[in-house]
Amino acid sequence: MLFIHGVGSTAEIWDAQLHAFSSRARCGALELRGNGAVPDPAPAAITREGYALDAIAALDALQAERAVIVGCSLGGVVAFELARRIPERLAGLLFVGSFAKYPDAETYVARILAAVEAAGDMAAFARARTMQLGLPPRRERETIEQMSRKSRTSYEAATRATWTGDYRGDLGSIRAPTLVMVGERDTIAPRALSEEIAAGVPAARFVEIAAAGHVANADAPEAFNAELRTFLDGIATS
């Protein structure tokens, strides 16, 4: 299983899942390029295609001929990229708070970039952005810390990569078992965007996680893990 975080997070958002599922499968949480784990690449290297290549390299390192991909927000975008490139290696797909196409994406990106500039630094921006995520209070501090860790240039490049793809034409061709999840309080990628994925992917299942925001796996890990466990059980018996 490969877990892939969103644009404002780091691989740490998957700690509860790594703990819960490491006895069941070989698991890895990918730290996407430009997130502080290694020296920043050039902004031109921070692309959806580059993220997909990183994910494939991670699967190779895990010696995973086939894997379940679990992606939150940008992580879901990377999952779509993998479905284009290596469909034969996908044992299952789980999209969390993601989207096939973000509405009015260019305007949304411009608004985020303007907010970063107005904030002056990533720490100030992180504090303001975190208030929009529908987080439980216990999650606010760690989210601000993770977002603050990113460089401004990397975050801006990742923002452009995250929101501007269009995978609506790919939905009907996805054959891997698919679960689409969204937090009840997600205002960043609201329910309708997850419903669009679930409606377009053959036999996909849709689940809303109560009392969770944009990063439902970290906001409500017990409920999320229960749904993931059911999903994995279904794959195992199919």
C-alpha atoms as a PDB file:
ATOM      1  CA  MET A   1       0.000   0.000   0.000  1.00  0.00           C
ATOM      2  CA  LEU A   2       1.282   3.442  -0.921  1.00  0.00           C
ATOM      3  CA  PHE A   3      -0.119   6.506   0.854  1.00  0.00           C
ATOM      4  CA  ILE A   4       0.279   9.914  -0.819  1.00  0.00           C
ATOM      5  CA  HIS A   5      -0.319  13.217   0.968  1.00  0.00           C
ATOM      6  CA  GLY A   6      -1.792  16.521  -0.192  1.00  0.00           C
ATOM      7  CA  VAL A   7      -0.259  19.852  -1.114  1.00  0.00           C
ATOM      8  CA  GLY A   8      -0.471  21.307   2.389  1.00  0.00           C
ATOM      9  CA  SER A   9       0.582  18.179   4.255  1.00  0.00           C
ATOM     10  CA  THR A  10       3.535  15.843   4.584  1.00  0.00           C
ATOM     11  CA  ALA A  11       3.774  12.060   4.799  1.00  0.00           C
ATOM     12  CA  GLU A  12       3.139  12.340   8.542  1.00  0.00           C
ATOM     13  CA  ILE A  13      -0.610  12.581   7.941  1.00  0.00           C
ATOM     14  CA  TRP A  14      -0.572   8.825   7.330  1.00  0.00           C
ATOM     15  CA  ASP A  15       0.967   7.801  10.668  1.00  0.00           C
ATOM     16  CA  ALA A  16      -2.312   6.319  11.949  1.00  0.00           C
ATOM     17  CA  GLN A  17      -2.717   4.263   8.770  1.00  0.00           C
ATOM     18  CA  LEU A  18       0.870   3.013   8.741  1.00  0.00           C
ATOM     19  CA  HIS A  19       0.438   1.875  12.327  1.00  0.00           C
ATOM     20  CA  ALA A  20      -2.912   0.208  11.628  1.00  0.00           C
ATOM     21  CA  PHE A  21      -2.071  -1.582   8.382  1.00  0.00           C
ATOM     22  CA  SER A  22       1.652  -2.371   8.454  1.00  0.00           C
ATOM     23  CA  SER A  23       0.935  -5.861   9.768  1.00  0.00           C
ATOM     24  CA  ARG A  24      -1.403  -6.497   6.853  1.00  0.00           C
ATOM     25  CA  ALA A  25       0.668  -5.263   3.915  1.00  0.00           C
ATOM     26  CA  ARG A  26       3.960  -3.680   2.988  1.00  0.00           C
ATOM     27  CA  CYS A  27       3.185   0.022   3.465  1.00  0.00           C
ATOM     28  CA  GLY A  28       4.890   3.248   2.550  1.00  0.00           C
ATOM     29  CA  ALA A  29       3.979   6.925   2.861  1.00  0.00           C
ATOM     30  CA  LEU A  30       5.514   8.933   0.035  1.00  0.00           C
ATOM     31  CA  GLU A  31       7.034  12.337   0.822  1.00  0.00           C
ATOM     32  CA  LEU A  32       6.396  14.247  -2.389  1.00  0.00           C
ATOM     33  CA  ARG A  33       9.218  16.294  -3.874  1.00  0.00           C
ATOM     34  CA  GLY A  34       9.455  19.847  -2.547  1.00  0.00           C
ATOM     35  CA  ASN A  35       8.189  19.121   0.955  1.00  0.00           C
ATOM     36  CA  GLY A  36      11.333  19.593   2.991  1.00  0.00           C
ATOM     37  CA  ALA A  37      12.419  15.974   3.349  1.00  0.00           C
ATOM     38  CA  VAL A  38      15.199  16.528   0.809  1.00  0.00           C
ATOM     39  CA  PRO A  39      16.666  19.721  -0.706  1.00  0.00           C
ATOM     40  CA  ASP A  40      14.110  21.522  -2.852  1.00  0.00           C
ATOM     41  CA  PRO A  41      14.145  20.676  -6.548  1.00  0.00           C
ATOM     42  CA  ALA A  42      13.837  23.404  -9.134  1.00  0.00           C
ATOM     43  CA  PRO A  43      10.204  24.571  -9.320  1.00  0.00           C
ATOM     44  CA  ALA A  44      10.030  23.297 -12.911  1.00  0.00           C
ATOM     45  CA  ALA A  45      10.529  19.749 -11.565  1.00  0.00           C
ATOM     46  CA  ILE A  46       7.455  19.989  -9.313  1.00  0.00           C
ATOM     47  CA  THR A  47       4.793  18.693 -11.687  1.00  0.00           C
ATOM     48  CA  ARG A  48       2.059  16.085 -11.720  1.00  0.00           C
ATOM     49  CA  GLU A  49       4.209  13.969 -14.011  1.00  0.00           C
ATOM     50  CA  GLY A  50       7.172  14.263 -11.641  1.00  0.00           C
ATOM     51  CA  TYR A  51       5.030  13.233  -8.696  1.00  0.00           C
ATOM     52  CA  ALA A  52       3.885  10.169 -10.630  1.00  0.00           C
ATOM     53  CA  LEU A  53       7.474   9.176 -11.367  1.00  0.00           C
ATOM     54  CA  ASP A  54       8.273   9.522  -7.650  1.00  0.00           C
ATOM     55  CA  ALA A  55       5.354   7.247  -6.792  1.00  0.00           C
ATOM     56  CA  ILE A  56       6.463   4.623  -9.309  1.00  0.00           C
ATOM     57  CA  ALA A  57       9.974   4.753  -7.853  1.00  0.00           C
ATOM     58  CA  ALA A  58       8.484   4.218  -4.389  1.00  0.00           C
ATOM     59  CA  LEU A  59       6.517   1.199  -5.588  1.00  0.00           C
ATOM     60  CA  ASP A  60       9.687  -0.219  -7.093  1.00  0.00           C
ATOM     61  CA  ALA A  61      11.538   0.357  -3.816  1.00  0.00           C
ATOM     62  CA  LEU A  62       8.735  -1.471  -1.977  1.00  0.00           C
ATOM     63  CA  GLN A  63       9.079  -4.285  -4.544  1.00  0.00           C
ATOM     64  CA  ALA A  64       5.363  -3.954  -5.175  1.00  0.00           C
ATOM     65  CA  GLU A  65       4.277  -5.474  -8.467  1.00  0.00           C
ATOM     66  CA  ARG A  66       0.745  -4.409  -7.549  1.00  0.00           C
ATOM     67  CA  ALA A  67      -0.405  -2.006  -4.866  1.00  0.00           C
ATOM     68  CA  VAL A  68      -3.352  -0.154  -3.394  1.00  0.00           C
ATOM     69  CA  ILE A  69      -2.839   3.598  -3.821  1.00  0.00           C
ATOM     70  CA  VAL A  70      -4.373   5.844  -1.161  1.00  0.00           C
ATOM     71  CA  GLY A  71      -4.224   9.529  -2.077  1.00  0.00           C
ATOM     72  CA  CYS A  72      -5.492  12.603  -0.246  1.00  0.00           C
ATOM     73  CA  SER A  73      -6.230  15.706  -2.347  1.00  0.00           C
ATOM     74  CA  LEU A  74      -3.031  16.101  -4.416  1.00  0.00           C
ATOM     75  CA  GLY A  75      -2.396  12.449  -3.577  1.00  0.00           C
ATOM     76  CA  GLY A  76      -5.581  11.638  -5.477  1.00  0.00           C
ATOM     77  CA  VAL A  77      -4.278  13.602  -8.464  1.00  0.00           C
ATOM     78  CA  VAL A  78      -1.131  11.459  -8.339  1.00  0.00           C
ATOM     79  CA  ALA A  79      -3.353   8.364  -8.233  1.00  0.00           C
ATOM     80  CA  PHE A  80      -5.034   9.520 -11.449  1.00  0.00           C
ATOM     81  CA  GLU A  81      -1.606   9.958 -13.015  1.00  0.00           C
ATOM     82  CA  LEU A  82      -0.686   6.412 -11.992  1.00  0.00           C
ATOM     83  CA  ALA A  83      -3.931   5.092 -13.473  1.00  0.00           C
ATOM     84  CA  ARG A  84      -2.791   6.585 -16.784  1.00  0.00           C
ATOM     85  CA  ARG A  85       0.734   5.205 -16.610  1.00  0.00           C
ATOM     86  CA  ILE A  86       0.656   1.874 -14.764  1.00  0.00           C
ATOM     87  CA  PRO A  87      -2.957   0.616 -14.583  1.00  0.00           C
ATOM     88  CA  GLU A  88      -1.712  -2.980 -14.490  1.00  0.00           C
ATOM     89  CA  ARG A  89       0.017  -2.342 -11.138  1.00  0.00           C
ATOM     90  CA  LEU A  90      -3.036  -0.928  -9.360  1.00  0.00           C
ATOM     91  CA  ALA A  91      -4.759  -3.388  -7.027  1.00  0.00           C
ATOM     92  CA  GLY A  92      -7.050  -0.639  -5.766  1.00  0.00           C
ATOM     93  CA  LEU A  93      -7.509   3.135  -5.594  1.00  0.00           C
ATOM     94  CA  LEU A  94      -8.719   5.208  -2.668  1.00  0.00           C
ATOM     95  CA  PHE A  95      -9.358   8.910  -3.235  1.00  0.00           C
ATOM     96  CA  VAL A  96      -9.688  11.128  -0.140  1.00  0.00           C
ATOM     97  CA  GLY A  97     -10.913  14.707  -0.524  1.00  0.00           C
ATOM     98  CA  SER A  98      -9.846  14.747  -4.163  1.00  0.00           C
ATOM     99  CA  PHE A  99     -11.290  15.717  -7.548  1.00  0.00           C
ATOM    100  CA  ALA A 100     -11.185  14.827 -11.243  1.00  0.00           C
ATOM    101  CA  LYS A 101     -11.232  18.532 -12.174  1.00  0.00           C
ATOM    102  CA  TYR A 102     -11.271  21.429  -9.772  1.00  0.00           C
ATOM    103  CA  PRO A 103     -13.840  24.087 -10.700  1.00  0.00           C
ATOM    104  CA  ASP A 104     -12.431  27.407 -11.928  1.00  0.00           C
ATOM    105  CA  ALA A 105      -8.966  26.087 -11.141  1.00  0.00           C
ATOM    106  CA  GLU A 106      -6.905  28.948 -12.543  1.00  0.00           C
ATOM    107  CA  THR A 107      -8.798  31.497 -10.467  1.00  0.00           C
ATOM    108  CA  TYR A 108      -8.462  29.316  -7.387  1.00  0.00           C
ATOM    109  CA  VAL A 109      -4.702  28.946  -7.920  1.00  0.00           C
ATOM    110  CA  ALA A 110      -4.326  32.711  -8.382  1.00  0.00           C
ATOM    111  CA  ARG A 111      -6.211  33.285  -5.134  1.00  0.00           C
ATOM    112  CA  ILE A 112      -3.936  30.924  -3.203  1.00  0.00           C
ATOM    113  CA  LEU A 113      -0.772  32.442  -4.673  1.00  0.00           C
ATOM    114  CA  ALA A 114      -2.012  35.937  -3.803  1.00  0.00           C
ATOM    115  CA  ALA A 115      -2.671  34.793  -0.239  1.00  0.00           C
ATOM    116  CA  VAL A 116       0.861  33.404   0.030  1.00  0.00           C
ATOM    117  CA  GLU A 117       2.287  36.691  -1.192  1.00  0.00           C
ATOM    118  CA  ALA A 118       0.103  38.713   1.173  1.00  0.00           C
ATOM    119  CA  ALA A 119       1.103  36.537   4.138  1.00  0.00           C
ATOM    120  CA  GLY A 120       4.787  37.158   3.487  1.00  0.00           C
ATOM    121  CA  ASP A 121       6.023  33.778   4.694  1.00  0.00           C
ATOM    122  CA  MET A 122       4.778  30.211   4.834  1.00  0.00           C
ATOM    123  CA  ALA A 123       4.205  30.215   8.601  1.00  0.00           C
ATOM    124  CA  ALA A 124       1.788  33.144   8.410  1.00  0.00           C
ATOM    125  CA  PHE A 125       0.095  31.662   5.362  1.00  0.00           C
ATOM    126  CA  ALA A 126      -0.194  28.276   7.090  1.00  0.00           C
ATOM    127  CA  ARG A 127      -1.993  29.804  10.049  1.00  0.00           C
ATOM    128  CA  ALA A 128      -4.533  31.498   7.787  1.00  0.00           C
ATOM    129  CA  ARG A 129      -4.990  28.510   5.463  1.00  0.00           C
ATOM    130  CA  THR A 130      -5.469  26.053   8.310  1.00  0.00           C
ATOM    131  CA  MET A 131      -8.556  27.925   9.442  1.00  0.00           C
ATOM    132  CA  GLN A 132     -10.214  27.008   6.108  1.00  0.00           C
ATOM    133  CA  LEU A 133      -9.705  23.248   6.361  1.00  0.00           C
ATOM    134  CA  GLY A 134     -12.498  22.239   8.740  1.00  0.00           C
ATOM    135  CA  LEU A 135     -10.021  20.624  11.132  1.00  0.00           C
ATOM    136  CA  PRO A 136     -10.695  19.302  14.601  1.00  0.00           C
ATOM    137  CA  PRO A 137      -8.881  21.610  17.076  1.00  0.00           C
ATOM    138  CA  ARG A 138      -6.336  18.903  17.941  1.00  0.00           C
ATOM    139  CA  ARG A 139      -5.133  18.870  14.313  1.00  0.00           C
ATOM    140  CA  GLU A 140      -4.527  22.583  13.849  1.00  0.00           C
ATOM    141  CA  ARG A 141      -1.041  22.783  15.343  1.00  0.00           C
ATOM    142  CA  GLU A 142       0.422  19.853  13.395  1.00  0.00           C
ATOM    143  CA  THR A 143      -1.106  21.101  10.152  1.00  0.00           C
ATOM    144  CA  ILE A 144       0.414  24.551  10.584  1.00  0.00           C
ATOM    145  CA  GLU A 145       3.779  22.953  11.354  1.00  0.00           C
ATOM    146  CA  GLN A 146       3.692  20.723   8.267  1.00  0.00           C
ATOM    147  CA  MET A 147       2.671  23.528   5.927  1.00  0.00           C
ATOM    148  CA  SER A 148       5.227  25.927   7.410  1.00  0.00           C
ATOM    149  CA  ARG A 149       7.992  23.420   6.635  1.00  0.00           C
ATOM    150  CA  LYS A 150       7.573  23.886   2.895  1.00  0.00           C
ATOM    151  CA  SER A 151       9.479  26.531   0.983  1.00  0.00           C
ATOM    152  CA  ARG A 152       7.415  29.202  -0.696  1.00  0.00           C
ATOM    153  CA  THR A 153       8.709  28.397  -4.188  1.00  0.00           C
ATOM    154  CA  SER A 154       7.952  24.694  -3.805  1.00  0.00           C
ATOM    155  CA  TYR A 155       4.498  25.333  -2.372  1.00  0.00           C
ATOM    156  CA  GLU A 156       3.624  27.680  -5.214  1.00  0.00           C
ATOM    157  CA  ALA A 157       4.765  25.144  -7.826  1.00  0.00           C
ATOM    158  CA  ALA A 158       2.885  22.364  -6.025  1.00  0.00           C
ATOM    159  CA  THR A 159      -0.234  24.539  -5.915  1.00  0.00           C
ATOM    160  CA  ARG A 160      -0.172  24.941  -9.685  1.00  0.00           C
ATOM    161  CA  ALA A 161       0.324  21.187 -10.124  1.00  0.00           C
ATOM    162  CA  THR A 162      -2.409  20.237  -7.672  1.00  0.00           C
ATOM    163  CA  TRP A 163      -5.425  22.113  -8.901  1.00  0.00           C
ATOM    164  CA  THR A 164      -5.092  22.387 -12.686  1.00  0.00           C
ATOM    165  CA  GLY A 165      -5.378  18.811 -13.979  1.00  0.00           C
ATOM    166  CA  ASP A 166      -8.411  17.342 -15.717  1.00  0.00           C
ATOM    167  CA  TYR A 167      -9.079  13.601 -15.341  1.00  0.00           C
ATOM    168  CA  ARG A 168     -12.795  13.537 -16.130  1.00  0.00           C
ATOM    169  CA  GLY A 169     -12.117  11.729 -19.390  1.00  0.00           C
ATOM    170  CA  ASP A 170     -10.170   9.025 -17.533  1.00  0.00           C
ATOM    171  CA  LEU A 171     -12.846   8.029 -15.036  1.00  0.00           C
ATOM    172  CA  GLY A 172     -14.675   5.493 -17.180  1.00  0.00           C
ATOM    173  CA  SER A 173     -11.471   3.637 -18.062  1.00  0.00           C
ATOM    174  CA  ILE A 174     -10.401   2.947 -14.459  1.00  0.00           C
ATOM    175  CA  ARG A 175     -10.844  -0.742 -13.740  1.00  0.00           C
ATOM    176  CA  ALA A 176      -9.154  -1.035 -10.345  1.00  0.00           C
ATOM    177  CA  PRO A 177     -11.490  -1.378  -7.339  1.00  0.00           C
ATOM    178  CA  THR A 178     -12.110   2.180  -6.185  1.00  0.00           C
ATOM    179  CA  LEU A 179     -13.264   3.820  -2.963  1.00  0.00           C
ATOM    180  CA  VAL A 180     -13.975   7.553  -2.845  1.00  0.00           C
ATOM    181  CA  MET A 181     -14.060   9.230   0.561  1.00  0.00           C
ATOM    182  CA  VAL A 182     -14.731  12.795   1.672  1.00  0.00           C
ATOM    183  CA  GLY A 183     -14.879  14.501   5.035  1.00  0.00           C
ATOM    184  CA  GLU A 184     -18.260  15.852   6.032  1.00  0.00           C
ATOM    185  CA  ARG A 185     -16.671  19.266   6.740  1.00  0.00           C
ATOM    186  CA  ASP A 186     -14.422  19.441   3.699  1.00  0.00           C
ATOM    187  CA  THR A 187     -14.803  22.919   2.208  1.00  0.00           C
ATOM    188  CA  ILE A 188     -11.639  22.702   0.077  1.00  0.00           C
ATOM    189  CA  ALA A 189     -12.781  19.777  -2.075  1.00  0.00           C
ATOM    190  CA  PRO A 190     -16.459  19.445  -1.147  1.00  0.00           C
ATOM    191  CA  ARG A 191     -18.677  16.404  -1.485  1.00  0.00           C
ATOM    192  CA  ALA A 192     -19.822  17.074  -5.060  1.00  0.00           C
ATOM    193  CA  LEU A 193     -16.273  16.665  -6.385  1.00  0.00           C
ATOM    194  CA  SER A 194     -15.899  13.254  -4.757  1.00  0.00           C
ATOM    195  CA  GLU A 195     -19.358  12.261  -5.980  1.00  0.00           C
ATOM    196  CA  GLU A 196     -18.239  13.087  -9.524  1.00  0.00           C
ATOM    197  CA  ILE A 197     -15.333  10.636  -9.214  1.00  0.00           C
ATOM    198  CA  ALA A 198     -17.547   7.928  -7.721  1.00  0.00           C
ATOM    199  CA  ALA A 199     -20.184   8.373 -10.428  1.00  0.00           C
ATOM    200  CA  GLY A 200     -17.628   8.165 -13.227  1.00  0.00           C
ATOM    201  CA  VAL A 201     -15.506   5.208 -12.121  1.00  0.00           C
ATOM    202  CA  PRO A 202     -17.229   1.861 -12.772  1.00  0.00           C
ATOM    203  CA  ALA A 203     -18.384   0.189  -9.534  1.00  0.00           C
ATOM    204  CA  ALA A 204     -16.726   2.796  -7.322  1.00  0.00           C
ATOM    205  CA  ARG A 205     -18.077   3.177  -3.783  1.00  0.00           C
ATOM    206  CA  PHE A 206     -18.600   6.535  -2.070  1.00  0.00           C
ATOM    207  CA  VAL A 207     -18.267   7.187   1.673  1.00  0.00           C
ATOM    208  CA  GLU A 208     -18.588  10.388   3.698  1.00  0.00           C
ATOM    209  CA  ILE A 209     -16.627  10.524   6.960  1.00  0.00           C
ATOM    210  CA  ALA A 210     -18.517  12.308   9.720  1.00  0.00           C
ATOM    211  CA  ALA A 211     -16.902  15.192  11.632  1.00  0.00           C
ATOM    212  CA  ALA A 212     -13.861  15.229   9.318  1.00  0.00           C
ATOM    213  CA  GLY A 213     -12.473  17.970   7.105  1.00  0.00           C
ATOM    214  CA  HIS A 214     -10.227  17.918   4.056  1.00  0.00           C
ATOM    215  CA  VAL A 215      -7.739  15.394   5.472  1.00  0.00           C
ATOM    216  CA  ALA A 216     -10.267  12.840   6.690  1.00  0.00           C
ATOM    217  CA  ASN A 217      -7.712  10.101   7.342  1.00  0.00           C
ATOM    218  CA  ALA A 218      -5.987  12.249   9.982  1.00  0.00           C
ATOM    219  CA  ASP A 219      -9.097  14.069  11.231  1.00  0.00           C
ATOM    220  CA  ALA A 220     -11.069  10.878  11.941  1.00  0.00           C
ATOM    221  CA  PRO A 221      -8.565   7.996  11.717  1.00  0.00           C
ATOM    222  CA  GLU A 222     -10.695   5.335  13.381  1.00  0.00           C
ATOM    223  CA  ALA A 223     -13.644   5.840  11.020  1.00  0.00           C
ATOM    224  CA  PHE A 224     -11.326   6.145   8.037  1.00  0.00           C
ATOM    225  CA  ASN A 225      -9.414   2.989   8.932  1.00  0.00           C
ATOM    226  CA  ALA A 226     -12.629   1.030   9.351  1.00  0.00           C
ATOM    227  CA  GLU A 227     -13.709   1.958   5.827  1.00  0.00           C
ATOM    228  CA  LEU A 228     -10.259   1.209   4.424  1.00  0.00           C
ATOM    229  CA  ARG A 229     -10.264  -2.179   6.147  1.00  0.00           C
ATOM    230  CA  THR A 230     -13.637  -3.028   4.584  1.00  0.00           C
ATOM    231  CA  PHE A 231     -12.330  -1.923   1.191  1.00  0.00           C
ATOM    232  CA  LEU A 232      -9.245  -4.122   1.494  1.00  0.00           C
ATOM    233  CA  ASP A 233     -11.354  -7.075   2.590  1.00  0.00           C
ATOM    234  CA  GLY A 234     -13.446  -6.663  -0.548  1.00  0.00           C
ATOM    235  CA  ILE A 235     -10.359  -6.636  -2.755  1.00  0.00           C
ATOM    236  CA  ALA A 236      -9.026  -9.763  -1.042  1.00  0.00           C
ATOM    237  CA  THR A 237     -12.224 -11.717  -1.665  1.00  0.00           C
ATOM    238  CA  SER A 238     -12.898 -10.512  -5.215  1.00  0.00           C
END
